[in-house]
Amino acid sequence: DEIQVNASDDFMVVRVTVEIVDTNGRPIEKGEATQNQDKYINGWFSIPSLAQPIKRGMRITAAAYDRPGNRTVKELEL
């Protein structure tokens, strides 16, 4: 399924990365999200290349970068 990230900043968000980590803290997948202004306001999306069953304790981490290079991270535990 698609992972959606809403990210906005005064200096414009120029890049978003998404990482999926298993219940043991091992990375499953990490990649760049794609901006999609047609579908979502300030929207970015990522479609994982590997099908993974969702397990309690898995984490999805999104990092948004603005034009000056500042980074903001949001983590969601499933």
PDB file of N, CA and C in Angstrom:
ATOM      1  N   ASP A   1       0.829  -1.185   0.000  1.00  0.00           N
ATOM      2  CA  ASP A   1       0.000   0.000   0.000  1.00  0.00           C
ATOM      3  C   ASP A   1       0.875   1.252   0.000  1.00  0.00           C
ATOM      4  N   GLU A   2       0.256   2.337  -0.325  1.00  0.00           N
ATOM      5  CA  GLU A   2       0.944   3.621  -0.389  1.00  0.00           C
ATOM      6  C   GLU A   2       1.099   4.212   1.009  1.00  0.00           C
ATOM      7  N   ILE A   3       2.283   4.723   1.306  1.00  0.00           N
ATOM      8  CA  ILE A   3       2.530   5.454   2.553  1.00  0.00           C
ATOM      9  C   ILE A   3       2.458   6.928   2.205  1.00  0.00           C
ATOM     10  N   GLN A   4       1.573   7.656   2.877  1.00  0.00           N
ATOM     11  CA  GLN A   4       1.384   9.077   2.596  1.00  0.00           C
ATOM     12  C   GLN A   4       1.997   9.914   3.711  1.00  0.00           C
ATOM     13  N   VAL A   5       2.681  10.982   3.308  1.00  0.00           N
ATOM     14  CA  VAL A   5       3.308  11.898   4.266  1.00  0.00           C
ATOM     15  C   VAL A   5       2.872  13.312   3.910  1.00  0.00           C
ATOM     16  N   ASN A   6       2.300  14.030   4.863  1.00  0.00           N
ATOM     17  CA  ASN A   6       2.007  15.453   4.690  1.00  0.00           C
ATOM     18  C   ASN A   6       3.143  16.224   5.332  1.00  0.00           C
ATOM     19  N   ALA A   7       3.846  17.003   4.542  1.00  0.00           N
ATOM     20  CA  ALA A   7       4.988  17.756   5.051  1.00  0.00           C
ATOM     21  C   ALA A   7       4.946  19.166   4.479  1.00  0.00           C
ATOM     22  N   SER A   8       5.079  20.151   5.359  1.00  0.00           N
ATOM     23  CA  SER A   8       5.108  21.544   4.903  1.00  0.00           C
ATOM     24  C   SER A   8       6.132  22.306   5.748  1.00  0.00           C
ATOM     25  N   ASP A   9       6.631  23.411   5.193  1.00  0.00           N
ATOM     26  CA  ASP A   9       7.648  24.195   5.870  1.00  0.00           C
ATOM     27  C   ASP A   9       7.663  25.597   5.273  1.00  0.00           C
ATOM     28  N   ASP A  10       8.044  26.584   6.078  1.00  0.00           N
ATOM     29  CA  ASP A  10       8.151  27.964   5.589  1.00  0.00           C
ATOM     30  C   ASP A  10       9.134  28.098   4.429  1.00  0.00           C
ATOM     31  N   PHE A  11      10.168  27.248   4.427  1.00  0.00           N
ATOM     32  CA  PHE A  11      11.203  27.306   3.394  1.00  0.00           C
ATOM     33  C   PHE A  11      11.052  26.213   2.348  1.00  0.00           C
ATOM     34  N   MET A  12       9.873  25.623   2.259  1.00  0.00           N
ATOM     35  CA  MET A  12       9.541  24.622   1.250  1.00  0.00           C
ATOM     36  C   MET A  12      10.210  23.277   1.524  1.00  0.00           C
ATOM     37  N   VAL A  13       9.435  22.234   1.549  1.00  0.00           N
ATOM     38  CA  VAL A  13       9.966  20.875   1.665  1.00  0.00           C
ATOM     39  C   VAL A  13      10.457  20.459   0.286  1.00  0.00           C
ATOM     40  N   VAL A  14      11.716  20.024   0.223  1.00  0.00           N
ATOM     41  CA  VAL A  14      12.304  19.659  -1.067  1.00  0.00           C
ATOM     42  C   VAL A  14      12.581  18.166  -1.189  1.00  0.00           C
ATOM     43  N   ARG A  15      12.495  17.445  -0.059  1.00  0.00           N
ATOM     44  CA  ARG A  15      12.818  16.015  -0.090  1.00  0.00           C
ATOM     45  C   ARG A  15      12.198  15.337   1.121  1.00  0.00           C
ATOM     46  N   VAL A  16      11.686  14.119   0.914  1.00  0.00           N
ATOM     47  CA  VAL A  16      11.153  13.307   2.007  1.00  0.00           C
ATOM     48  C   VAL A  16      11.666  11.877   1.817  1.00  0.00           C
ATOM     49  N   THR A  17      12.171  11.286   2.899  1.00  0.00           N
ATOM     50  CA  THR A  17      12.570   9.882   2.862  1.00  0.00           C
ATOM     51  C   THR A  17      11.663   9.086   3.790  1.00  0.00           C
ATOM     52  N   VAL A  18      11.479   7.817   3.468  1.00  0.00           N
ATOM     53  CA  VAL A  18      10.634   6.933   4.269  1.00  0.00           C
ATOM     54  C   VAL A  18      11.421   5.656   4.542  1.00  0.00           C
ATOM     55  N   GLU A  19      11.428   5.227   5.809  1.00  0.00           N
ATOM     56  CA  GLU A  19      12.112   3.989   6.182  1.00  0.00           C
ATOM     57  C   GLU A  19      11.139   3.100   6.947  1.00  0.00           C
ATOM     58  N   ILE A  20      11.154   1.808   6.629  1.00  0.00           N
ATOM     59  CA  ILE A  20      10.345   0.815   7.333  1.00  0.00           C
ATOM     60  C   ILE A  20      11.310  -0.098   8.082  1.00  0.00           C
ATOM     61  N   VAL A  21      11.055  -0.287   9.384  1.00  0.00           N
ATOM     62  CA  VAL A  21      11.930  -1.075  10.244  1.00  0.00           C
ATOM     63  C   VAL A  21      11.108  -2.193  10.869  1.00  0.00           C
ATOM     64  N   ASP A  22      11.681  -3.413  10.933  1.00  0.00           N
ATOM     65  CA  ASP A  22      10.939  -4.538  11.498  1.00  0.00           C
ATOM     66  C   ASP A  22      10.903  -4.469  13.020  1.00  0.00           C
ATOM     67  N   THR A  23      10.284  -5.447  13.639  1.00  0.00           N
ATOM     68  CA  THR A  23      10.092  -5.440  15.096  1.00  0.00           C
ATOM     69  C   THR A  23      11.391  -5.569  15.867  1.00  0.00           C
ATOM     70  N   ASN A  24      12.471  -6.028  15.200  1.00  0.00           N
ATOM     71  CA  ASN A  24      13.783  -6.150  15.849  1.00  0.00           C
ATOM     72  C   ASN A  24      14.683  -4.957  15.568  1.00  0.00           C
ATOM     73  N   GLY A  25      14.142  -3.931  14.895  1.00  0.00           N
ATOM     74  CA  GLY A  25      14.922  -2.739  14.595  1.00  0.00           C
ATOM     75  C   GLY A  25      15.757  -2.835  13.334  1.00  0.00           C
ATOM     76  N   ARG A  26      15.590  -3.923  12.569  1.00  0.00           N
ATOM     77  CA  ARG A  26      16.331  -4.072  11.318  1.00  0.00           C
ATOM     78  C   ARG A  26      15.585  -3.378  10.188  1.00  0.00           C
ATOM     79  N   PRO A  27      16.302  -2.619   9.355  1.00  0.00           N
ATOM     80  CA  PRO A  27      15.651  -1.946   8.228  1.00  0.00           C
ATOM     81  C   PRO A  27      15.116  -2.959   7.223  1.00  0.00           C
ATOM     82  N   ILE A  28      13.880  -2.736   6.805  1.00  0.00           N
ATOM     83  CA  ILE A  28      13.278  -3.548   5.751  1.00  0.00           C
ATOM     84  C   ILE A  28      13.459  -2.839   4.419  1.00  0.00           C
ATOM     85  N   GLU A  29      13.214  -1.533   4.445  1.00  0.00           N
ATOM     86  CA  GLU A  29      13.305  -0.759   3.211  1.00  0.00           C
ATOM     87  C   GLU A  29      13.452   0.720   3.536  1.00  0.00           C
ATOM     88  N   LYS A  30      14.205   1.428   2.685  1.00  0.00           N
ATOM     89  CA  LYS A  30      14.362   2.868   2.836  1.00  0.00           C
ATOM     90  C   LYS A  30      14.432   3.467   1.441  1.00  0.00           C
ATOM     91  N   GLY A  31      13.758   4.603   1.261  1.00  0.00           N
ATOM     92  CA  GLY A  31      13.803   5.229  -0.053  1.00  0.00           C
ATOM     93  C   GLY A  31      13.239   6.635  -0.043  1.00  0.00           C
ATOM     94  N   GLU A  32      13.320   7.251  -1.198  1.00  0.00           N
ATOM     95  CA  GLU A  32      12.816   8.606  -1.401  1.00  0.00           C
ATOM     96  C   GLU A  32      11.310   8.566  -1.674  1.00  0.00           C
ATOM     97  N   ALA A  33      10.595   9.493  -1.081  1.00  0.00           N
ATOM     98  CA  ALA A  33       9.177   9.654  -1.381  1.00  0.00           C
ATOM     99  C   ALA A  33       9.047  10.572  -2.598  1.00  0.00           C
ATOM    100  N   THR A  34       7.919  10.489  -3.255  1.00  0.00           N
ATOM    101  CA  THR A  34       7.637  11.293  -4.437  1.00  0.00           C
ATOM    102  C   THR A  34       6.582  12.329  -4.103  1.00  0.00           C
ATOM    103  N   GLN A  35       6.792  13.553  -4.535  1.00  0.00           N
ATOM    104  CA  GLN A  35       5.812  14.607  -4.289  1.00  0.00           C
ATOM    105  C   GLN A  35       4.671  14.459  -5.278  1.00  0.00           C
ATOM    106  N   ASN A  36       3.457  14.597  -4.770  1.00  0.00           N
ATOM    107  CA  ASN A  36       2.280  14.466  -5.616  1.00  0.00           C
ATOM    108  C   ASN A  36       1.307  15.586  -5.284  1.00  0.00           C
ATOM    109  N   GLN A  37       1.481  16.726  -5.893  1.00  0.00           N
ATOM    110  CA  GLN A  37       0.627  17.873  -5.608  1.00  0.00           C
ATOM    111  C   GLN A  37      -0.784  17.709  -6.167  1.00  0.00           C
ATOM    112  N   ASP A  38      -0.962  16.863  -7.153  1.00  0.00           N
ATOM    113  CA  ASP A  38      -2.303  16.667  -7.709  1.00  0.00           C
ATOM    114  C   ASP A  38      -3.224  15.945  -6.737  1.00  0.00           C
ATOM    115  N   LYS A  39      -2.675  15.002  -5.967  1.00  0.00           N
ATOM    116  CA  LYS A  39      -3.504  14.188  -5.081  1.00  0.00           C
ATOM    117  C   LYS A  39      -3.650  14.771  -3.685  1.00  0.00           C
ATOM    118  N   TYR A  40      -2.579  15.321  -3.137  1.00  0.00           N
ATOM    119  CA  TYR A  40      -2.581  15.747  -1.746  1.00  0.00           C
ATOM    120  C   TYR A  40      -1.949  17.133  -1.615  1.00  0.00           C
ATOM    121  N   ILE A  41      -2.466  17.910  -0.715  1.00  0.00           N
ATOM    122  CA  ILE A  41      -1.834  19.196  -0.406  1.00  0.00           C
ATOM    123  C   ILE A  41      -0.599  18.884   0.425  1.00  0.00           C
ATOM    124  N   ASN A  42       0.551  19.442   0.021  1.00  0.00           N
ATOM    125  CA  ASN A  42       1.825  19.166   0.694  1.00  0.00           C
ATOM    126  C   ASN A  42       2.094  17.671   0.786  1.00  0.00           C
ATOM    127  N   GLY A  43       1.573  16.917  -0.171  1.00  0.00           N
ATOM    128  CA  GLY A  43       1.635  15.468  -0.097  1.00  0.00           C
ATOM    129  C   GLY A  43       2.845  14.851  -0.757  1.00  0.00           C
ATOM    130  N   TRP A  44       3.343  13.835  -0.119  1.00  0.00           N
ATOM    131  CA  TRP A  44       4.425  13.001  -0.610  1.00  0.00           C
ATOM    132  C   TRP A  44       3.962  11.566  -0.429  1.00  0.00           C
ATOM    133  N   PHE A  45       4.407  10.668  -1.287  1.00  0.00           N
ATOM    134  CA  PHE A  45       4.008   9.284  -1.117  1.00  0.00           C
ATOM    135  C   PHE A  45       5.171   8.354  -1.440  1.00  0.00           C
ATOM    136  N   SER A  46       5.105   7.187  -0.851  1.00  0.00           N
ATOM    137  CA  SER A  46       6.101   6.145  -1.073  1.00  0.00           C
ATOM    138  C   SER A  46       5.357   4.825  -1.174  1.00  0.00           C
ATOM    139  N   ILE A  47       5.724   4.022  -2.161  1.00  0.00           N
ATOM    140  CA  ILE A  47       5.131   2.695  -2.310  1.00  0.00           C
ATOM    141  C   ILE A  47       6.244   1.675  -2.087  1.00  0.00           C
ATOM    142  N   PRO A  48       6.166   0.913  -0.987  1.00  0.00           N
ATOM    143  CA  PRO A  48       7.204  -0.074  -0.712  1.00  0.00           C
ATOM    144  C   PRO A  48       7.304  -1.093  -1.848  1.00  0.00           C
ATOM    145  N   SER A  49       8.536  -1.521  -2.136  1.00  0.00           N
ATOM    146  CA  SER A  49       8.733  -2.488  -3.221  1.00  0.00           C
ATOM    147  C   SER A  49       8.543  -3.923  -2.746  1.00  0.00           C
ATOM    148  N   LEU A  50       8.614  -4.147  -1.424  1.00  0.00           N
ATOM    149  CA  LEU A  50       8.434  -5.482  -0.870  1.00  0.00           C
ATOM    150  C   LEU A  50       7.124  -5.556  -0.094  1.00  0.00           C
ATOM    151  N   ALA A  51       6.350  -6.592  -0.348  1.00  0.00           N
ATOM    152  CA  ALA A  51       5.123  -6.805   0.430  1.00  0.00           C
ATOM    153  C   ALA A  51       5.517  -7.349   1.800  1.00  0.00           C
ATOM    154  N   GLN A  52       5.079  -6.678   2.851  1.00  0.00           N
ATOM    155  CA  GLN A  52       5.385  -7.077   4.215  1.00  0.00           C
ATOM    156  C   GLN A  52       4.107  -7.143   5.025  1.00  0.00           C
ATOM    157  N   PRO A  53       3.881  -8.237   5.732  1.00  0.00           N
ATOM    158  CA  PRO A  53       2.726  -8.242   6.640  1.00  0.00           C
ATOM    159  C   PRO A  53       3.004  -7.266   7.777  1.00  0.00           C
ATOM    160  N   ILE A  54       1.993  -6.530   8.161  1.00  0.00           N
ATOM    161  CA  ILE A  54       2.151  -5.567   9.254  1.00  0.00           C
ATOM    162  C   ILE A  54       2.160  -6.320  10.579  1.00  0.00           C
ATOM    163  N   LYS A  55       3.184  -6.047  11.385  1.00  0.00           N
ATOM    164  CA  LYS A  55       3.302  -6.672  12.700  1.00  0.00           C
ATOM    165  C   LYS A  55       3.409  -5.591  13.757  1.00  0.00           C
ATOM    166  N   ARG A  56       2.819  -5.858  14.908  1.00  0.00           N
ATOM    167  CA  ARG A  56       2.903  -4.911  16.019  1.00  0.00           C
ATOM    168  C   ARG A  56       4.378  -4.694  16.374  1.00  0.00           C
ATOM    169  N   GLY A  57       4.774  -3.427  16.487  1.00  0.00           N
ATOM    170  CA  GLY A  57       6.142  -3.089  16.831  1.00  0.00           C
ATOM    171  C   GLY A  57       6.975  -2.630  15.641  1.00  0.00           C
ATOM    172  N   MET A  58       6.458  -2.832  14.421  1.00  0.00           N
ATOM    173  CA  MET A  58       7.163  -2.296  13.251  1.00  0.00           C
ATOM    174  C   MET A  58       7.090  -0.778  13.315  1.00  0.00           C
ATOM    175  N   ARG A  59       8.064  -0.093  12.658  1.00  0.00           N
ATOM    176  CA  ARG A  59       8.072   1.368  12.663  1.00  0.00           C
ATOM    177  C   ARG A  59       8.231   1.896  11.240  1.00  0.00           C
ATOM    178  N   ILE A  60       7.549   2.993  10.984  1.00  0.00           N
ATOM    179  CA  ILE A  60       7.719   3.746   9.751  1.00  0.00           C
ATOM    180  C   ILE A  60       8.242   5.122  10.157  1.00  0.00           C
ATOM    181  N   THR A  61       9.353   5.520   9.560  1.00  0.00           N
ATOM    182  CA  THR A  61       9.959   6.811   9.866  1.00  0.00           C
ATOM    183  C   THR A  61      10.008   7.651   8.605  1.00  0.00           C
ATOM    184  N   ALA A  62       9.484   8.869   8.689  1.00  0.00           N
ATOM    185  CA  ALA A  62       9.541   9.809   7.571  1.00  0.00           C
ATOM    186  C   ALA A  62      10.413  10.985   7.992  1.00  0.00           C
ATOM    187  N   ALA A  63      11.312  11.380   7.105  1.00  0.00           N
ATOM    188  CA  ALA A  63      12.170  12.541   7.353  1.00  0.00           C
ATOM    189  C   ALA A  63      11.935  13.542   6.233  1.00  0.00           C
ATOM    190  N   ALA A  64      11.600  14.777   6.609  1.00  0.00           N
ATOM    191  CA  ALA A  64      11.353  15.844   5.630  1.00  0.00           C
ATOM    192  C   ALA A  64      12.494  16.849   5.709  1.00  0.00           C
ATOM    193  N   TYR A  65      12.969  17.282   4.540  1.00  0.00           N
ATOM    194  CA  TYR A  65      14.088  18.230   4.446  1.00  0.00           C
ATOM    195  C   TYR A  65      13.608  19.497   3.753  1.00  0.00           C
ATOM    196  N   ASP A  66      13.949  20.659   4.333  1.00  0.00           N
ATOM    197  CA  ASP A  66      13.573  21.924   3.696  1.00  0.00           C
ATOM    198  C   ASP A  66      14.723  22.439   2.827  1.00  0.00           C
ATOM    199  N   ARG A  67      14.484  23.559   2.159  1.00  0.00           N
ATOM    200  CA  ARG A  67      15.471  24.109   1.224  1.00  0.00           C
ATOM    201  C   ARG A  67      16.835  24.376   1.880  1.00  0.00           C
ATOM    202  N   PRO A  68      16.896  24.938   3.125  1.00  0.00           N
ATOM    203  CA  PRO A  68      18.205  25.153   3.744  1.00  0.00           C
ATOM    204  C   PRO A  68      18.880  23.856   4.230  1.00  0.00           C
ATOM    205  N   GLY A  69      18.161  22.720   4.195  1.00  0.00           N
ATOM    206  CA  GLY A  69      18.757  21.448   4.612  1.00  0.00           C
ATOM    207  C   GLY A  69      18.381  20.976   5.996  1.00  0.00           C
ATOM    208  N   ASN A  70      17.473  21.684   6.660  1.00  0.00           N
ATOM    209  CA  ASN A  70      17.016  21.248   7.980  1.00  0.00           C
ATOM    210  C   ASN A  70      16.159  20.003   7.828  1.00  0.00           C
ATOM    211  N   ARG A  71      16.218  19.131   8.841  1.00  0.00           N
ATOM    212  CA  ARG A  71      15.504  17.858   8.789  1.00  0.00           C
ATOM    213  C   ARG A  71      14.538  17.746   9.958  1.00  0.00           C
ATOM    214  N   THR A  72      13.330  17.275   9.680  1.00  0.00           N
ATOM    215  CA  THR A  72      12.348  16.966  10.717  1.00  0.00           C
ATOM    216  C   THR A  72      11.929  15.518  10.536  1.00  0.00           C
ATOM    217  N   VAL A  73      11.902  14.768  11.644  1.00  0.00           N
ATOM    218  CA  VAL A  73      11.611  13.334  11.580  1.00  0.00           C
ATOM    219  C   VAL A  73      10.342  13.026  12.352  1.00  0.00           C
ATOM    220  N   LYS A  74       9.516  12.169  11.802  1.00  0.00           N
ATOM    221  CA  LYS A  74       8.303  11.673  12.476  1.00  0.00           C
ATOM    222  C   LYS A  74       8.326  10.162  12.390  1.00  0.00           C
ATOM    223  N   GLU A  75       8.116   9.511  13.530  1.00  0.00           N
ATOM    224  CA  GLU A  75       8.139   8.051  13.574  1.00  0.00           C
ATOM    225  C   GLU A  75       6.786   7.543  14.030  1.00  0.00           C
ATOM    226  N   LEU A  76       6.311   6.506  13.388  1.00  0.00           N
ATOM    227  CA  LEU A  76       5.030   5.886  13.736  1.00  0.00           C
ATOM    228  C   LEU A  76       5.271   4.410  14.044  1.00  0.00           C
ATOM    229  N   GLU A  77       4.910   3.995  15.245  1.00  0.00           N
ATOM    230  CA  GLU A  77       5.011   2.573  15.581  1.00  0.00           C
ATOM    231  C   GLU A  77       3.666   1.917  15.317  1.00  0.00           C
ATOM    232  N   LEU A  78       3.714   0.803  14.622  1.00  0.00           N
ATOM    233  CA  LEU A  78       2.481   0.106  14.264  1.00  0.00           C
ATOM    234  C   LEU A  78       2.079  -0.871  15.360  1.00  0.00           C
TER     235      LEU A  78
END
